[in-house]
Amino acid sequence: MGRTPGRIFLLSPANCSGLRAKMVLSERAQFDLAVRLRGGDGAALGEVFAFVSGLYFKGKLAYAMNFARPVPAGARSSSRRRACP
């Protein structure tokens, strides 16, 4: 039986000009996500966008996390519309 191809979801970005974006990007912010975002390890893009856009992005992210199939490590996009090792 062949391998099931990976499935990647590309989600539209959150609006980064609103109040919540300003909060998370503020140098004065002391909550966990803001501190991690400024730190060396950073934060997951989905987590940041979920915070910035609230329920709109959280729903999209939950759908993607539920139905995504990870692609192999080191895979890249190709013009053939599939992930390639």
N, C-alpha and C. Protein backbone atom coordinates (compact mmCIF):
# COMPACT_ATOMS: atom_id res chain seq x y z
N MET A 1 0.85 -1.18 0.00
CA MET A 1 0.00 0.00 0.00
C MET A 1 0.89 1.24 0.00
N GLY A 2 0.60 2.22 -0.82
CA GLY A 2 1.42 3.43 -0.95
C GLY A 2 1.25 4.38 0.23
N ARG A 3 2.21 5.26 0.35
CA ARG A 3 2.15 6.27 1.40
C ARG A 3 1.05 7.28 1.10
N THR A 4 0.37 7.71 2.14
CA THR A 4 -0.61 8.77 2.00
C THR A 4 0.15 10.08 1.92
N PRO A 5 -0.11 10.89 0.90
CA PRO A 5 0.62 12.16 0.80
C PRO A 5 0.27 13.09 1.96
N GLY A 6 1.21 13.95 2.30
CA GLY A 6 0.97 14.93 3.35
C GLY A 6 -0.09 15.94 2.92
N ARG A 7 -0.66 16.60 3.87
CA ARG A 7 -1.65 17.64 3.59
C ARG A 7 -1.26 18.86 4.40
N ILE A 8 -1.07 19.96 3.71
CA ILE A 8 -0.70 21.22 4.35
C ILE A 8 -1.81 22.22 4.14
N PHE A 9 -2.19 22.94 5.17
CA PHE A 9 -3.18 23.99 5.05
C PHE A 9 -2.48 25.34 5.11
N LEU A 10 -2.75 26.18 4.14
CA LEU A 10 -2.25 27.55 4.15
C LEU A 10 -3.39 28.43 4.61
N LEU A 11 -3.21 29.07 5.74
CA LEU A 11 -4.27 29.87 6.33
C LEU A 11 -4.01 31.35 6.08
N SER A 12 -5.08 32.07 5.83
CA SER A 12 -4.90 33.50 5.62
C SER A 12 -4.41 34.14 6.92
N PRO A 13 -3.52 35.10 6.81
CA PRO A 13 -2.95 35.70 8.02
C PRO A 13 -3.95 36.58 8.76
N ALA A 14 -3.65 36.78 10.01
CA ALA A 14 -4.45 37.66 10.83
C ALA A 14 -4.12 39.11 10.49
N ASN A 15 -5.02 39.99 10.84
CA ASN A 15 -4.78 41.42 10.69
C ASN A 15 -3.84 41.87 11.81
N CYS A 16 -2.68 42.36 11.46
CA CYS A 16 -1.68 42.72 12.46
C CYS A 16 -1.67 44.21 12.79
N SER A 17 -2.76 44.90 12.47
CA SER A 17 -2.80 46.33 12.78
C SER A 17 -3.74 46.65 13.93
N GLY A 18 -4.35 45.64 14.51
CA GLY A 18 -5.32 45.86 15.58
C GLY A 18 -4.71 45.95 16.96
N LEU A 19 -5.59 46.12 17.93
CA LEU A 19 -5.19 46.29 19.33
C LEU A 19 -4.45 45.06 19.87
N ARG A 20 -4.95 43.87 19.57
CA ARG A 20 -4.31 42.65 20.10
C ARG A 20 -2.91 42.46 19.50
N ALA A 21 -2.73 42.82 18.24
CA ALA A 21 -1.38 42.74 17.64
C ALA A 21 -0.45 43.72 18.33
N LYS A 22 -0.93 44.90 18.59
CA LYS A 22 -0.11 45.90 19.29
C LYS A 22 0.26 45.41 20.69
N MET A 23 -0.69 44.73 21.34
CA MET A 23 -0.43 44.20 22.67
C MET A 23 0.70 43.17 22.65
N VAL A 24 0.60 42.18 21.74
CA VAL A 24 1.58 41.10 21.73
C VAL A 24 2.95 41.57 21.24
N LEU A 25 2.98 42.63 20.44
CA LEU A 25 4.26 43.13 19.92
C LEU A 25 4.89 44.20 20.82
N SER A 26 4.19 44.63 21.84
CA SER A 26 4.70 45.67 22.73
C SER A 26 5.91 45.17 23.53
N GLU A 27 6.93 45.98 23.59
CA GLU A 27 8.11 45.65 24.40
C GLU A 27 7.77 45.60 25.89
N ARG A 28 6.68 46.24 26.28
CA ARG A 28 6.27 46.29 27.70
C ARG A 28 5.43 45.08 28.10
N ALA A 29 4.93 44.33 27.12
CA ALA A 29 4.04 43.19 27.42
C ALA A 29 4.80 42.13 28.22
N GLN A 30 4.16 41.64 29.27
CA GLN A 30 4.79 40.65 30.14
C GLN A 30 4.09 39.30 30.14
N PHE A 31 3.02 39.15 29.34
CA PHE A 31 2.33 37.84 29.33
C PHE A 31 3.16 36.85 28.51
N ASP A 32 2.94 35.57 28.78
CA ASP A 32 3.78 34.49 28.27
C ASP A 32 4.02 34.55 26.76
N LEU A 33 2.98 34.69 25.97
CA LEU A 33 3.13 34.68 24.52
C LEU A 33 4.02 35.82 24.04
N ALA A 34 3.81 37.00 24.56
CA ALA A 34 4.62 38.17 24.16
C ALA A 34 6.08 37.98 24.54
N VAL A 35 6.33 37.45 25.72
CA VAL A 35 7.70 37.22 26.18
C VAL A 35 8.39 36.18 25.29
N ARG A 36 7.68 35.09 24.98
CA ARG A 36 8.26 34.06 24.11
C ARG A 36 8.50 34.58 22.69
N LEU A 37 7.59 35.41 22.20
CA LEU A 37 7.72 35.97 20.86
C LEU A 37 8.98 36.83 20.75
N ARG A 38 9.29 37.56 21.78
CA ARG A 38 10.51 38.40 21.79
C ARG A 38 11.76 37.59 22.09
N GLY A 39 11.60 36.42 22.69
CA GLY A 39 12.75 35.61 23.11
C GLY A 39 13.39 34.88 21.95
N GLY A 40 14.47 34.20 22.25
CA GLY A 40 15.24 33.50 21.24
C GLY A 40 14.52 32.34 20.58
N ASP A 41 13.63 31.66 21.30
CA ASP A 41 12.92 30.51 20.74
C ASP A 41 11.67 30.92 19.97
N GLY A 42 11.17 32.11 20.23
CA GLY A 42 9.98 32.59 19.52
C GLY A 42 8.73 31.84 19.93
N ALA A 43 7.70 31.99 19.10
CA ALA A 43 6.41 31.35 19.34
C ALA A 43 5.87 30.85 18.01
N ALA A 44 5.01 29.87 18.08
CA ALA A 44 4.41 29.32 16.85
C ALA A 44 3.54 30.37 16.17
N LEU A 45 3.66 30.44 14.86
CA LEU A 45 2.91 31.42 14.09
C LEU A 45 1.41 31.28 14.31
N GLY A 46 0.92 30.05 14.33
CA GLY A 46 -0.51 29.82 14.57
C GLY A 46 -0.96 30.33 15.91
N GLU A 47 -0.13 30.17 16.93
CA GLU A 47 -0.46 30.65 18.27
C GLU A 47 -0.54 32.17 18.29
N VAL A 48 0.40 32.82 17.62
CA VAL A 48 0.40 34.29 17.57
C VAL A 48 -0.83 34.79 16.82
N PHE A 49 -1.10 34.21 15.65
CA PHE A 49 -2.26 34.64 14.87
C PHE A 49 -3.57 34.34 15.60
N ALA A 50 -3.64 33.22 16.32
CA ALA A 50 -4.85 32.90 17.08
C ALA A 50 -5.08 33.96 18.16
N PHE A 51 -4.02 34.43 18.80
CA PHE A 51 -4.16 35.48 19.80
C PHE A 51 -4.59 36.79 19.16
N VAL A 52 -3.95 37.14 18.05
CA VAL A 52 -4.19 38.42 17.41
C VAL A 52 -5.60 38.52 16.85
N SER A 53 -6.10 37.47 16.24
CA SER A 53 -7.40 37.57 15.57
C SER A 53 -8.55 36.89 16.31
N GLY A 54 -8.28 36.32 17.43
CA GLY A 54 -9.35 35.74 18.23
C GLY A 54 -10.02 34.55 17.59
N LEU A 55 -11.35 34.47 17.71
CA LEU A 55 -12.09 33.28 17.29
C LEU A 55 -11.99 32.98 15.81
N TYR A 56 -11.88 34.00 14.96
CA TYR A 56 -11.81 33.79 13.52
C TYR A 56 -10.67 32.84 13.16
N PHE A 57 -9.48 33.14 13.62
CA PHE A 57 -8.32 32.32 13.28
C PHE A 57 -8.28 31.05 14.10
N LYS A 58 -8.76 31.08 15.33
CA LYS A 58 -8.76 29.88 16.17
C LYS A 58 -9.56 28.76 15.50
N GLY A 59 -10.68 29.11 14.89
CA GLY A 59 -11.49 28.11 14.19
C GLY A 59 -10.75 27.53 13.00
N LYS A 60 -10.10 28.39 12.23
CA LYS A 60 -9.33 27.93 11.07
C LYS A 60 -8.17 27.03 11.52
N LEU A 61 -7.48 27.44 12.57
CA LEU A 61 -6.34 26.68 13.07
C LEU A 61 -6.80 25.32 13.61
N ALA A 62 -7.90 25.30 14.33
CA ALA A 62 -8.42 24.03 14.86
C ALA A 62 -8.75 23.07 13.71
N TYR A 63 -9.37 23.58 12.65
CA TYR A 63 -9.70 22.75 11.48
C TYR A 63 -8.43 22.20 10.85
N ALA A 64 -7.45 23.07 10.64
CA ALA A 64 -6.20 22.64 10.01
C ALA A 64 -5.47 21.61 10.86
N MET A 65 -5.42 21.82 12.16
CA MET A 65 -4.72 20.88 13.04
C MET A 65 -5.43 19.52 13.05
N ASN A 66 -6.74 19.52 12.92
CA ASN A 66 -7.51 18.28 12.94
C ASN A 66 -7.34 17.48 11.65
N PHE A 67 -7.31 18.16 10.52
CA PHE A 67 -7.31 17.48 9.23
C PHE A 67 -5.97 17.44 8.51
N ALA A 68 -4.97 18.09 9.04
CA ALA A 68 -3.65 18.09 8.40
C ALA A 68 -3.00 16.71 8.53
N ARG A 69 -2.19 16.39 7.56
CA ARG A 69 -1.33 15.20 7.64
C ARG A 69 0.09 15.72 7.47
N PRO A 70 0.93 15.55 8.47
CA PRO A 70 2.29 16.09 8.39
C PRO A 70 3.04 15.56 7.16
N VAL A 71 3.86 16.39 6.60
CA VAL A 71 4.71 15.97 5.49
C VAL A 71 6.03 15.50 6.09
N PRO A 72 6.80 14.69 5.37
CA PRO A 72 8.07 14.21 5.91
C PRO A 72 9.01 15.36 6.26
N ALA A 73 9.84 15.14 7.25
CA ALA A 73 10.83 16.16 7.63
C ALA A 73 11.69 16.50 6.43
N GLY A 74 11.95 17.77 6.23
CA GLY A 74 12.80 18.21 5.14
C GLY A 74 12.07 18.32 3.81
N ALA A 75 10.75 18.07 3.80
CA ALA A 75 10.00 18.17 2.54
C ALA A 75 9.92 19.62 2.10
N ARG A 76 9.76 19.81 0.81
CA ARG A 76 9.65 21.16 0.27
C ARG A 76 8.52 21.18 -0.74
N SER A 77 8.04 22.35 -1.04
CA SER A 77 6.99 22.53 -2.04
C SER A 77 7.57 22.41 -3.43
N SER A 78 6.77 21.96 -4.35
CA SER A 78 7.24 21.89 -5.73
C SER A 78 6.15 22.41 -6.65
N SER A 79 6.48 22.63 -7.89
CA SER A 79 5.51 23.09 -8.86
C SER A 79 4.53 21.98 -9.25
N ARG A 80 4.80 20.78 -8.81
CA ARG A 80 3.90 19.66 -9.10
C ARG A 80 2.78 19.55 -8.07
N ARG A 81 2.66 20.55 -7.21
CA ARG A 81 1.59 20.66 -6.23
C ARG A 81 1.61 19.55 -5.19
N ARG A 82 2.77 19.11 -4.80
CA ARG A 82 2.88 18.15 -3.72
C ARG A 82 4.20 18.37 -2.99
N ALA A 83 4.27 17.85 -1.78
CA ALA A 83 5.52 17.97 -1.02
C ALA A 83 6.51 16.93 -1.51
N CYS A 84 7.74 17.34 -1.67
CA CYS A 84 8.79 16.44 -2.15
C CYS A 84 9.89 16.34 -1.10
N PRO A 85 10.47 15.14 -0.95
CA PRO A 85 11.58 15.01 0.01
C PRO A 85 12.83 15.72 -0.51
